[in-house]
Amino acid sequence: MPKRSEEKLTEAFVKKAVPDPDGKDLTFFFRDVPGLGLRVKPSGVKTYFLQYRDKYNKRQRKIVIGRAWSKKQLDGLNPTRAIDVALKLRVAVKDGADPAAERDGNRNAKTVSQLCDEHMKATANVLKASTLALDKIRIETHVKPLLGSRAVASLTRDDLEKFLADVSRVKMLAPARNAVARPLRHG
């Protein structure tokens, strides 16, 4: 059960928060930002989160802001930074955004590599064998190495222009397949 706190979120409070001896997660909420909380795991890991209701469906949602700073977690957030992030998220929620849904959508987003695999399966019985072979070579040598792990929805025009420039540069640097090394003639 969440423990409501009338305290402000401070570095001292975060340091004092210790794991539950019964091995359960402890949750604290603060007055600084409605829904801003600190979860303390039995392992001692402390994480900031924001709990909110989405504007349209009125469902209760939770999104992790980040781990709390500690001597073990040097890249974690201090309380001031956690409050700043929570305030920005609250404004986004008030404007109709659902940060947790966006996070879930990004996790489940189709990658370029998956899209290429789907293309190869869908065109296997439609295209000629020679066309399929060329597609496979282009996908395996250019598309997957440069863009394969990227989410399709995250690609921008600049990303695609850079991809085309990189592919063109590689083609220009690669020697022709039937080129024979010939000595230079002076004179």
N, C-alpha and C. Protein backbone atom coordinates (compact mmCIF):
# COMPACT_ATOMS: atom_id res chain seq x y z
N MET A 1 0.85 -1.18 0.00
CA MET A 1 0.00 0.00 0.00
C MET A 1 0.89 1.24 0.00
N PRO A 2 0.60 2.21 -0.87
CA PRO A 2 1.43 3.41 -0.91
C PRO A 2 1.39 4.17 0.40
N LYS A 3 2.53 4.69 0.77
CA LYS A 3 2.61 5.53 1.97
C LYS A 3 2.64 6.98 1.52
N ARG A 4 1.61 7.73 1.88
CA ARG A 4 1.54 9.14 1.52
C ARG A 4 2.46 9.91 2.45
N SER A 5 3.15 10.86 1.90
CA SER A 5 4.07 11.64 2.69
C SER A 5 3.70 13.11 2.56
N GLU A 6 3.74 13.79 3.65
CA GLU A 6 3.52 15.23 3.62
C GLU A 6 4.86 15.95 3.46
N GLU A 7 5.91 15.17 3.33
CA GLU A 7 7.24 15.76 3.18
C GLU A 7 7.47 16.15 1.73
N LYS A 8 8.42 17.03 1.56
CA LYS A 8 8.89 17.36 0.23
C LYS A 8 9.91 16.29 -0.17
N LEU A 9 10.06 16.11 -1.45
CA LEU A 9 11.05 15.17 -1.95
C LEU A 9 12.42 15.83 -1.82
N THR A 10 13.26 15.27 -0.95
CA THR A 10 14.60 15.81 -0.73
C THR A 10 15.61 14.69 -0.82
N GLU A 11 16.84 15.07 -0.98
CA GLU A 11 17.92 14.09 -1.01
C GLU A 11 18.00 13.33 0.31
N ALA A 12 17.77 14.03 1.41
CA ALA A 12 17.82 13.39 2.74
C ALA A 12 16.75 12.32 2.85
N PHE A 13 15.53 12.61 2.35
CA PHE A 13 14.45 11.62 2.42
C PHE A 13 14.81 10.39 1.60
N VAL A 14 15.36 10.60 0.40
CA VAL A 14 15.71 9.48 -0.48
C VAL A 14 16.79 8.61 0.18
N LYS A 15 17.76 9.26 0.82
CA LYS A 15 18.82 8.49 1.50
C LYS A 15 18.26 7.69 2.67
N LYS A 16 17.28 8.26 3.40
CA LYS A 16 16.70 7.58 4.57
C LYS A 16 15.77 6.43 4.19
N ALA A 17 15.22 6.44 3.00
CA ALA A 17 14.28 5.40 2.58
C ALA A 17 15.03 4.07 2.45
N VAL A 18 14.64 3.11 3.27
CA VAL A 18 15.31 1.80 3.27
C VAL A 18 14.32 0.72 2.86
N PRO A 19 14.82 -0.41 2.36
CA PRO A 19 13.94 -1.49 1.93
C PRO A 19 13.10 -2.05 3.08
N ASP A 20 11.94 -2.59 2.72
CA ASP A 20 11.03 -3.20 3.67
C ASP A 20 11.65 -4.50 4.18
N PRO A 21 11.68 -4.72 5.50
CA PRO A 21 12.25 -5.96 6.03
C PRO A 21 11.45 -7.20 5.63
N ASP A 22 10.17 -7.03 5.25
CA ASP A 22 9.34 -8.17 4.83
C ASP A 22 9.55 -8.52 3.36
N GLY A 23 10.40 -7.79 2.66
CA GLY A 23 10.69 -8.08 1.27
C GLY A 23 9.67 -7.56 0.27
N LYS A 24 8.93 -6.54 0.63
CA LYS A 24 7.93 -5.96 -0.27
C LYS A 24 8.41 -4.60 -0.77
N ASP A 25 7.87 -4.20 -1.91
CA ASP A 25 8.17 -2.87 -2.43
C ASP A 25 7.55 -1.82 -1.51
N LEU A 26 8.28 -0.75 -1.26
CA LEU A 26 7.73 0.40 -0.53
C LEU A 26 7.52 1.52 -1.52
N THR A 27 6.40 2.23 -1.38
CA THR A 27 6.09 3.34 -2.27
C THR A 27 5.78 4.57 -1.44
N PHE A 28 6.40 5.68 -1.80
CA PHE A 28 6.18 6.96 -1.13
C PHE A 28 5.74 7.97 -2.17
N PHE A 29 4.75 8.80 -1.80
CA PHE A 29 4.33 9.89 -2.67
C PHE A 29 4.67 11.20 -1.97
N PHE A 30 4.87 12.26 -2.77
CA PHE A 30 5.32 13.53 -2.23
C PHE A 30 4.38 14.65 -2.64
N ARG A 31 4.43 15.74 -1.90
CA ARG A 31 3.54 16.87 -2.15
C ARG A 31 4.07 17.79 -3.26
N ASP A 32 5.31 17.58 -3.68
CA ASP A 32 5.92 18.46 -4.69
C ASP A 32 5.14 18.46 -6.01
N VAL A 33 4.81 17.27 -6.48
CA VAL A 33 4.09 17.10 -7.73
C VAL A 33 3.05 16.01 -7.51
N PRO A 34 1.79 16.25 -7.81
CA PRO A 34 0.79 15.20 -7.63
C PRO A 34 1.16 13.95 -8.46
N GLY A 35 1.20 12.81 -7.79
CA GLY A 35 1.51 11.55 -8.46
C GLY A 35 2.98 11.18 -8.47
N LEU A 36 3.86 12.09 -8.08
CA LEU A 36 5.29 11.78 -8.05
C LEU A 36 5.57 10.85 -6.88
N GLY A 37 6.25 9.76 -7.20
CA GLY A 37 6.53 8.78 -6.15
C GLY A 37 7.95 8.25 -6.21
N LEU A 38 8.31 7.57 -5.13
CA LEU A 38 9.59 6.88 -5.02
C LEU A 38 9.28 5.45 -4.62
N ARG A 39 9.77 4.50 -5.39
CA ARG A 39 9.60 3.09 -5.06
C ARG A 39 10.93 2.55 -4.59
N VAL A 40 10.90 1.84 -3.46
CA VAL A 40 12.10 1.22 -2.91
C VAL A 40 11.90 -0.28 -3.00
N LYS A 41 12.74 -0.95 -3.80
CA LYS A 41 12.66 -2.40 -3.97
C LYS A 41 13.36 -3.08 -2.80
N PRO A 42 13.06 -4.35 -2.56
CA PRO A 42 13.75 -5.10 -1.49
C PRO A 42 15.27 -5.14 -1.68
N SER A 43 15.71 -5.02 -2.93
CA SER A 43 17.14 -5.02 -3.23
C SER A 43 17.81 -3.70 -2.85
N GLY A 44 17.00 -2.68 -2.55
CA GLY A 44 17.53 -1.36 -2.22
C GLY A 44 17.50 -0.38 -3.37
N VAL A 45 17.13 -0.85 -4.56
CA VAL A 45 17.05 0.04 -5.72
C VAL A 45 15.88 1.00 -5.52
N LYS A 46 16.16 2.29 -5.76
CA LYS A 46 15.15 3.34 -5.58
C LYS A 46 14.86 3.97 -6.94
N THR A 47 13.56 4.04 -7.26
CA THR A 47 13.15 4.52 -8.57
C THR A 47 12.05 5.57 -8.43
N TYR A 48 12.20 6.67 -9.17
CA TYR A 48 11.16 7.70 -9.23
C TYR A 48 10.15 7.31 -10.31
N PHE A 49 8.88 7.62 -10.06
CA PHE A 49 7.85 7.36 -11.05
C PHE A 49 6.77 8.43 -10.94
N LEU A 50 5.94 8.48 -11.95
CA LEU A 50 4.79 9.38 -11.94
C LEU A 50 3.54 8.55 -12.19
N GLN A 51 2.58 8.68 -11.31
CA GLN A 51 1.30 7.99 -11.44
C GLN A 51 0.27 9.04 -11.83
N TYR A 52 -0.55 8.74 -12.84
CA TYR A 52 -1.51 9.73 -13.33
C TYR A 52 -2.70 9.01 -13.96
N ARG A 53 -3.74 9.76 -14.29
CA ARG A 53 -4.87 9.23 -15.04
C ARG A 53 -4.83 9.87 -16.42
N ASP A 54 -4.96 9.03 -17.46
CA ASP A 54 -4.93 9.61 -18.79
C ASP A 54 -6.21 10.42 -19.02
N LYS A 55 -6.09 11.43 -19.84
CA LYS A 55 -7.14 12.44 -19.99
C LYS A 55 -8.43 11.87 -20.59
N TYR A 56 -8.31 10.89 -21.51
CA TYR A 56 -9.48 10.44 -22.24
C TYR A 56 -10.13 9.19 -21.65
N ASN A 57 -9.33 8.19 -21.31
CA ASN A 57 -9.88 6.94 -20.79
C ASN A 57 -9.99 6.91 -19.28
N LYS A 58 -9.36 7.88 -18.63
CA LYS A 58 -9.36 7.98 -17.16
C LYS A 58 -8.75 6.75 -16.49
N ARG A 59 -7.89 6.04 -17.23
CA ARG A 59 -7.21 4.88 -16.64
C ARG A 59 -6.02 5.37 -15.83
N GLN A 60 -5.78 4.69 -14.72
CA GLN A 60 -4.60 5.03 -13.92
C GLN A 60 -3.39 4.43 -14.61
N ARG A 61 -2.37 5.26 -14.81
CA ARG A 61 -1.15 4.85 -15.52
C ARG A 61 0.04 5.20 -14.66
N LYS A 62 1.15 4.53 -14.93
CA LYS A 62 2.38 4.80 -14.19
C LYS A 62 3.53 4.75 -15.18
N ILE A 63 4.43 5.72 -15.06
CA ILE A 63 5.62 5.72 -15.91
C ILE A 63 6.84 5.98 -15.04
N VAL A 64 7.87 5.19 -15.27
CA VAL A 64 9.12 5.34 -14.51
C VAL A 64 9.87 6.55 -15.05
N ILE A 65 10.31 7.39 -14.13
CA ILE A 65 11.09 8.58 -14.51
C ILE A 65 12.56 8.22 -14.57
N GLY A 66 13.02 7.42 -13.61
CA GLY A 66 14.41 6.98 -13.60
C GLY A 66 14.85 6.57 -12.21
N ARG A 67 16.02 5.97 -12.15
CA ARG A 67 16.56 5.56 -10.86
C ARG A 67 17.06 6.76 -10.08
N ALA A 68 16.99 6.62 -8.77
CA ALA A 68 17.47 7.68 -7.89
C ALA A 68 19.00 7.61 -7.83
N TRP A 69 19.60 8.77 -7.71
CA TRP A 69 21.05 8.84 -7.59
C TRP A 69 21.48 8.20 -6.28
N SER A 70 22.60 7.48 -6.33
CA SER A 70 23.22 6.92 -5.13
C SER A 70 24.69 6.73 -5.43
N LYS A 71 25.44 6.29 -4.44
CA LYS A 71 26.86 6.05 -4.66
C LYS A 71 27.06 4.91 -5.65
N LYS A 72 26.11 3.97 -5.69
CA LYS A 72 26.19 2.86 -6.64
C LYS A 72 25.61 3.23 -8.00
N GLN A 73 24.65 4.15 -8.02
CA GLN A 73 23.97 4.56 -9.24
C GLN A 73 24.31 6.01 -9.54
N LEU A 74 25.54 6.25 -10.00
CA LEU A 74 26.02 7.61 -10.19
C LEU A 74 25.31 8.35 -11.32
N ASP A 75 24.75 7.62 -12.27
CA ASP A 75 24.06 8.30 -13.36
C ASP A 75 22.56 8.45 -13.08
N GLY A 76 22.15 8.20 -11.84
CA GLY A 76 20.74 8.34 -11.45
C GLY A 76 20.34 9.80 -11.31
N LEU A 77 19.06 10.00 -11.03
CA LEU A 77 18.50 11.34 -10.92
C LEU A 77 18.53 11.84 -9.48
N ASN A 78 18.83 13.10 -9.31
CA ASN A 78 18.67 13.70 -7.98
C ASN A 78 17.22 14.16 -7.85
N PRO A 79 16.73 14.45 -6.64
CA PRO A 79 15.33 14.82 -6.46
C PRO A 79 14.89 16.03 -7.29
N THR A 80 15.73 17.02 -7.43
CA THR A 80 15.38 18.20 -8.21
C THR A 80 15.11 17.85 -9.66
N ARG A 81 15.97 17.04 -10.23
CA ARG A 81 15.79 16.61 -11.63
C ARG A 81 14.53 15.75 -11.78
N ALA A 82 14.26 14.87 -10.81
CA ALA A 82 13.06 14.03 -10.85
C ALA A 82 11.80 14.90 -10.82
N ILE A 83 11.82 15.95 -10.00
CA ILE A 83 10.67 16.86 -9.93
C ILE A 83 10.48 17.59 -11.26
N ASP A 84 11.57 18.05 -11.87
CA ASP A 84 11.50 18.73 -13.16
C ASP A 84 10.88 17.83 -14.23
N VAL A 85 11.35 16.58 -14.29
CA VAL A 85 10.83 15.64 -15.28
C VAL A 85 9.35 15.36 -15.01
N ALA A 86 8.99 15.17 -13.73
CA ALA A 86 7.59 14.90 -13.36
C ALA A 86 6.69 16.07 -13.75
N LEU A 87 7.15 17.29 -13.53
CA LEU A 87 6.34 18.46 -13.91
C LEU A 87 6.11 18.50 -15.42
N LYS A 88 7.14 18.21 -16.20
CA LYS A 88 7.00 18.20 -17.66
C LYS A 88 6.02 17.11 -18.10
N LEU A 89 6.11 15.95 -17.45
CA LEU A 89 5.18 14.87 -17.78
C LEU A 89 3.75 15.25 -17.40
N ARG A 90 3.55 15.91 -16.27
CA ARG A 90 2.21 16.33 -15.85
C ARG A 90 1.61 17.30 -16.86
N VAL A 91 2.43 18.23 -17.37
CA VAL A 91 1.94 19.17 -18.38
C VAL A 91 1.53 18.42 -19.64
N ALA A 92 2.35 17.44 -20.04
CA ALA A 92 2.02 16.65 -21.23
C ALA A 92 0.71 15.89 -21.03
N VAL A 93 0.53 15.32 -19.85
CA VAL A 93 -0.71 14.58 -19.54
C VAL A 93 -1.90 15.53 -19.59
N LYS A 94 -1.75 16.70 -19.03
CA LYS A 94 -2.83 17.69 -19.02
C LYS A 94 -3.21 18.09 -20.45
N ASP A 95 -2.20 18.10 -21.35
CA ASP A 95 -2.44 18.45 -22.76
C ASP A 95 -2.98 17.27 -23.57
N GLY A 96 -3.18 16.12 -22.91
CA GLY A 96 -3.78 14.97 -23.60
C GLY A 96 -2.83 13.85 -23.95
N ALA A 97 -1.55 14.00 -23.67
CA ALA A 97 -0.60 12.94 -23.97
C ALA A 97 -0.71 11.82 -22.95
N ASP A 98 -0.27 10.64 -23.34
CA ASP A 98 -0.22 9.49 -22.44
C ASP A 98 1.19 8.91 -22.53
N PRO A 99 2.12 9.41 -21.70
CA PRO A 99 3.51 8.97 -21.80
C PRO A 99 3.71 7.46 -21.67
N ALA A 100 2.91 6.81 -20.83
CA ALA A 100 3.06 5.36 -20.67
C ALA A 100 2.65 4.63 -21.95
N ALA A 101 1.59 5.09 -22.61
CA ALA A 101 1.16 4.47 -23.87
C ALA A 101 2.21 4.70 -24.96
N GLU A 102 2.80 5.89 -24.99
CA GLU A 102 3.86 6.17 -25.96
C GLU A 102 5.05 5.26 -25.73
N ARG A 103 5.43 5.06 -24.46
CA ARG A 103 6.52 4.16 -24.13
C ARG A 103 6.21 2.75 -24.60
N ASP A 104 4.98 2.29 -24.34
CA ASP A 104 4.59 0.94 -24.75
C ASP A 104 4.61 0.82 -26.27
N GLY A 105 4.15 1.85 -26.96
CA GLY A 105 4.17 1.84 -28.42
C GLY A 105 5.58 1.77 -28.96
N ASN A 106 6.51 2.49 -28.33
CA ASN A 106 7.90 2.45 -28.78
C ASN A 106 8.53 1.09 -28.54
N ARG A 107 8.17 0.44 -27.44
CA ARG A 107 8.72 -0.89 -27.15
C ARG A 107 8.26 -1.91 -28.18
N ASN A 108 7.02 -1.77 -28.62
CA ASN A 108 6.43 -2.74 -29.54
C ASN A 108 6.53 -2.32 -30.99
N ALA A 109 7.24 -1.26 -31.27
CA ALA A 109 7.33 -0.73 -32.63
C ALA A 109 8.09 -1.70 -33.53
N LYS A 110 7.65 -1.76 -34.77
CA LYS A 110 8.28 -2.62 -35.76
C LYS A 110 9.61 -2.01 -36.18
N THR A 111 10.63 -2.85 -36.26
CA THR A 111 11.95 -2.38 -36.70
C THR A 111 12.08 -2.50 -38.22
N VAL A 112 13.06 -1.82 -38.76
CA VAL A 112 13.33 -1.88 -40.19
C VAL A 112 13.67 -3.33 -40.57
N SER A 113 14.42 -4.01 -39.73
CA SER A 113 14.79 -5.39 -40.00
C SER A 113 13.54 -6.28 -40.11
N GLN A 114 12.59 -6.11 -39.18
CA GLN A 114 11.36 -6.89 -39.23
C GLN A 114 10.56 -6.57 -40.50
N LEU A 115 10.51 -5.31 -40.87
CA LEU A 115 9.80 -4.91 -42.07
C LEU A 115 10.44 -5.52 -43.32
N CYS A 116 11.76 -5.57 -43.35
CA CYS A 116 12.46 -6.19 -44.48
C CYS A 116 12.14 -7.69 -44.56
N ASP A 117 12.12 -8.36 -43.41
CA ASP A 117 11.80 -9.79 -43.40
C ASP A 117 10.37 -10.02 -43.91
N GLU A 118 9.44 -9.15 -43.49
CA GLU A 118 8.06 -9.26 -43.97
C GLU A 118 7.99 -9.04 -45.48
N HIS A 119 8.76 -8.08 -45.97
CA HIS A 119 8.80 -7.81 -47.41
C HIS A 119 9.28 -9.04 -48.17
N MET A 120 10.34 -9.67 -47.67
CA MET A 120 10.88 -10.84 -48.36
C MET A 120 9.87 -11.99 -48.37
N LYS A 121 9.16 -12.18 -47.28
CA LYS A 121 8.14 -13.25 -47.23
C LYS A 121 6.97 -12.94 -48.15
N ALA A 122 6.53 -11.67 -48.15
CA ALA A 122 5.36 -11.29 -48.93
C ALA A 122 5.62 -11.34 -50.43
N THR A 123 6.85 -11.09 -50.84
CA THR A 123 7.16 -11.05 -52.28
C THR A 123 7.80 -12.32 -52.79
N ALA A 124 7.95 -13.32 -51.94
CA ALA A 124 8.63 -14.56 -52.34
C ALA A 124 7.97 -15.23 -53.54
N ASN A 125 6.66 -15.23 -53.62
CA ASN A 125 5.97 -15.89 -54.73
C ASN A 125 5.49 -14.92 -55.80
N VAL A 126 5.83 -13.65 -55.64
CA VAL A 126 5.35 -12.64 -56.57
C VAL A 126 6.46 -12.19 -57.52
N LEU A 127 7.66 -12.00 -56.99
CA LEU A 127 8.76 -11.48 -57.80
C LEU A 127 9.59 -12.61 -58.41
N LYS A 128 10.29 -12.27 -59.47
CA LYS A 128 11.18 -13.25 -60.09
C LYS A 128 12.33 -13.57 -59.14
N ALA A 129 12.92 -14.72 -59.30
CA ALA A 129 14.01 -15.17 -58.43
C ALA A 129 15.19 -14.21 -58.48
N SER A 130 15.49 -13.67 -59.65
CA SER A 130 16.63 -12.75 -59.77
C SER A 130 16.36 -11.45 -59.00
N THR A 131 15.13 -10.97 -59.03
CA THR A 131 14.76 -9.75 -58.30
C THR A 131 14.84 -10.00 -56.79
N LEU A 132 14.33 -11.15 -56.37
CA LEU A 132 14.41 -11.52 -54.95
C LEU A 132 15.85 -11.60 -54.48
N ALA A 133 16.71 -12.17 -55.31
CA ALA A 133 18.12 -12.30 -54.94
C ALA A 133 18.76 -10.91 -54.78
N LEU A 134 18.45 -9.99 -55.70
CA LEU A 134 18.98 -8.63 -55.58
C LEU A 134 18.44 -7.93 -54.35
N ASP A 135 17.15 -8.09 -54.09
CA ASP A 135 16.55 -7.48 -52.89
C ASP A 135 17.25 -8.00 -51.64
N LYS A 136 17.47 -9.31 -51.60
CA LYS A 136 18.10 -9.91 -50.42
C LYS A 136 19.51 -9.36 -50.23
N ILE A 137 20.27 -9.24 -51.30
CA ILE A 137 21.63 -8.71 -51.21
C ILE A 137 21.61 -7.27 -50.70
N ARG A 138 20.72 -6.45 -51.25
CA ARG A 138 20.63 -5.05 -50.84
C ARG A 138 20.21 -4.93 -49.37
N ILE A 139 19.26 -5.74 -48.98
CA ILE A 139 18.78 -5.69 -47.60
C ILE A 139 19.89 -6.13 -46.64
N GLU A 140 20.55 -7.24 -46.95
CA GLU A 140 21.57 -7.79 -46.04
C GLU A 140 22.85 -6.95 -46.00
N THR A 141 23.20 -6.31 -47.11
CA THR A 141 24.45 -5.55 -47.12
C THR A 141 24.30 -4.07 -46.80
N HIS A 142 23.12 -3.52 -47.04
CA HIS A 142 22.94 -2.09 -46.81
C HIS A 142 21.89 -1.76 -45.75
N VAL A 143 20.68 -2.22 -45.95
CA VAL A 143 19.56 -1.79 -45.10
C VAL A 143 19.72 -2.27 -43.66
N LYS A 144 19.87 -3.58 -43.47
CA LYS A 144 19.94 -4.10 -42.09
C LYS A 144 21.15 -3.60 -41.32
N PRO A 145 22.34 -3.57 -41.91
CA PRO A 145 23.48 -3.07 -41.12
C PRO A 145 23.35 -1.59 -40.73
N LEU A 146 22.74 -0.78 -41.58
CA LEU A 146 22.67 0.66 -41.29
C LEU A 146 21.40 1.08 -40.55
N LEU A 147 20.28 0.40 -40.81
CA LEU A 147 19.01 0.83 -40.22
C LEU A 147 18.23 -0.28 -39.52
N GLY A 148 18.71 -1.50 -39.58
CA GLY A 148 17.94 -2.66 -39.13
C GLY A 148 17.36 -2.58 -37.73
N SER A 149 18.09 -2.03 -36.78
CA SER A 149 17.62 -2.02 -35.39
C SER A 149 16.71 -0.82 -35.09
N ARG A 150 16.57 0.10 -36.00
CA ARG A 150 15.76 1.30 -35.78
C ARG A 150 14.28 0.99 -35.94
N ALA A 151 13.45 1.66 -35.14
CA ALA A 151 12.00 1.54 -35.29
C ALA A 151 11.59 2.29 -36.55
N VAL A 152 10.73 1.70 -37.33
CA VAL A 152 10.30 2.32 -38.59
C VAL A 152 9.69 3.69 -38.31
N ALA A 153 8.86 3.78 -37.29
CA ALA A 153 8.18 5.04 -36.99
C ALA A 153 9.14 6.15 -36.56
N SER A 154 10.33 5.78 -36.11
CA SER A 154 11.27 6.79 -35.62
C SER A 154 12.13 7.39 -36.74
N LEU A 155 12.08 6.81 -37.93
CA LEU A 155 12.92 7.29 -39.02
C LEU A 155 12.44 8.65 -39.51
N THR A 156 13.41 9.51 -39.79
CA THR A 156 13.10 10.84 -40.31
C THR A 156 13.65 10.96 -41.73
N ARG A 157 13.28 12.02 -42.37
CA ARG A 157 13.79 12.28 -43.72
C ARG A 157 15.33 12.37 -43.68
N ASP A 158 15.88 13.03 -42.65
CA ASP A 158 17.33 13.15 -42.52
C ASP A 158 17.99 11.78 -42.39
N ASP A 159 17.36 10.87 -41.64
CA ASP A 159 17.90 9.51 -41.49
C ASP A 159 17.98 8.82 -42.85
N LEU A 160 16.94 8.96 -43.63
CA LEU A 160 16.92 8.29 -44.94
C LEU A 160 17.89 8.93 -45.92
N GLU A 161 18.03 10.24 -45.86
CA GLU A 161 19.01 10.91 -46.72
C GLU A 161 20.43 10.49 -46.35
N LYS A 162 20.70 10.36 -45.06
CA LYS A 162 22.02 9.91 -44.60
C LYS A 162 22.26 8.46 -45.05
N PHE A 163 21.24 7.63 -44.95
CA PHE A 163 21.34 6.24 -45.39
C PHE A 163 21.70 6.18 -46.88
N LEU A 164 21.00 6.94 -47.70
CA LEU A 164 21.27 6.94 -49.14
C LEU A 164 22.68 7.45 -49.43
N ALA A 165 23.11 8.48 -48.72
CA ALA A 165 24.46 9.01 -48.92
C ALA A 165 25.51 7.96 -48.52
N ASP A 166 25.27 7.26 -47.40
CA ASP A 166 26.21 6.23 -46.96
C ASP A 166 26.29 5.09 -47.97
N VAL A 167 25.17 4.67 -48.49
CA VAL A 167 25.16 3.59 -49.48
C VAL A 167 25.88 4.05 -50.74
N SER A 168 25.63 5.26 -51.19
CA SER A 168 26.30 5.78 -52.38
C SER A 168 27.80 5.87 -52.18
N ARG A 169 28.23 6.32 -51.00
CA ARG A 169 29.65 6.44 -50.70
C ARG A 169 30.33 5.07 -50.74
N VAL A 170 29.69 4.06 -50.19
CA VAL A 170 30.25 2.70 -50.18
C VAL A 170 30.38 2.19 -51.60
N LYS A 171 29.37 2.44 -52.44
CA LYS A 171 29.42 1.98 -53.83
C LYS A 171 30.56 2.64 -54.58
N MET A 172 30.80 3.91 -54.31
CA MET A 172 31.85 4.62 -55.02
C MET A 172 33.23 4.18 -54.55
N LEU A 173 33.36 3.76 -53.30
CA LEU A 173 34.65 3.34 -52.77
C LEU A 173 34.97 1.89 -53.11
N ALA A 174 33.94 1.08 -53.32
CA ALA A 174 34.16 -0.34 -53.59
C ALA A 174 34.70 -0.51 -55.00
N PRO A 175 35.70 -1.37 -55.16
CA PRO A 175 36.23 -1.60 -56.52
C PRO A 175 35.21 -2.39 -57.33
N ALA A 176 35.24 -2.19 -58.63
CA ALA A 176 34.37 -2.95 -59.51
C ALA A 176 34.75 -4.42 -59.42
N ARG A 177 33.74 -5.31 -59.59
CA ARG A 177 33.99 -6.75 -59.42
C ARG A 177 34.96 -7.30 -60.45
N ASN A 178 34.89 -6.78 -61.65
CA ASN A 178 35.75 -7.33 -62.71
C ASN A 178 36.96 -6.44 -62.98
N ALA A 179 37.26 -5.54 -62.07
CA ALA A 179 38.40 -4.65 -62.27
C ALA A 179 39.70 -5.42 -62.07
N VAL A 180 40.63 -5.15 -62.92
CA VAL A 180 41.94 -5.80 -62.83
C VAL A 180 42.96 -4.74 -62.45
N ALA A 181 43.82 -5.06 -61.50
CA ALA A 181 44.85 -4.11 -61.09
C ALA A 181 45.85 -3.96 -62.22
N ARG A 182 46.08 -2.75 -62.67
CA ARG A 182 47.01 -2.50 -63.76
C ARG A 182 48.05 -1.49 -63.29
N PRO A 183 49.25 -1.67 -63.71
CA PRO A 183 50.28 -0.71 -63.30
C PRO A 183 50.01 0.66 -63.93
N LEU A 184 50.37 1.69 -63.18
CA LEU A 184 50.23 3.04 -63.71
C LEU A 184 51.33 3.31 -64.71
N ARG A 185 51.00 3.97 -65.79
CA ARG A 185 52.00 4.32 -66.79
C ARG A 185 52.30 5.80 -66.69
N HIS A 186 53.54 6.08 -66.61
CA HIS A 186 53.94 7.48 -66.55
C HIS A 186 54.39 7.89 -67.94
N GLY A 187 54.03 9.03 -68.30
CA GLY A 187 54.66 9.46 -69.47
C GLY A 187 53.96 10.00 -70.54
